Amino acid sequence: MDFNLHFLKDTFDNHEVQPSSSCKLGFLKILNKKENLKPDELCATENSWKIIDFVSEVFDLKFDDKPNYSRLKFLLVKELLDYD
């Protein structure tokens, strides 16, 4: 896995900023959590459960998938209107 942060360039001498080993460990912990977390675990409370359809759809997206933003917006707006 490449931990170089290519988007963080030092504009003065064009050297890449390298994350520390503790930063790399943090990235690995986040990666592990994201890979193992399921939508129903993320939406564990009664209020957050209301957006389970939205969260599930986002979780189903693959890296190269183009999100259907209209549908995602619909799912959120629907819940907001139901919440009224």
Foldseek 3Di string as FASTA:
>chain_A
DDQFPVVAADVPPRDTDGDDPVVVVVVVVVVVCLVPDDLCNVQVDPVSVLLSVLSNLVNPDDPPDDDPVVVSVVSVVVSVVVVD
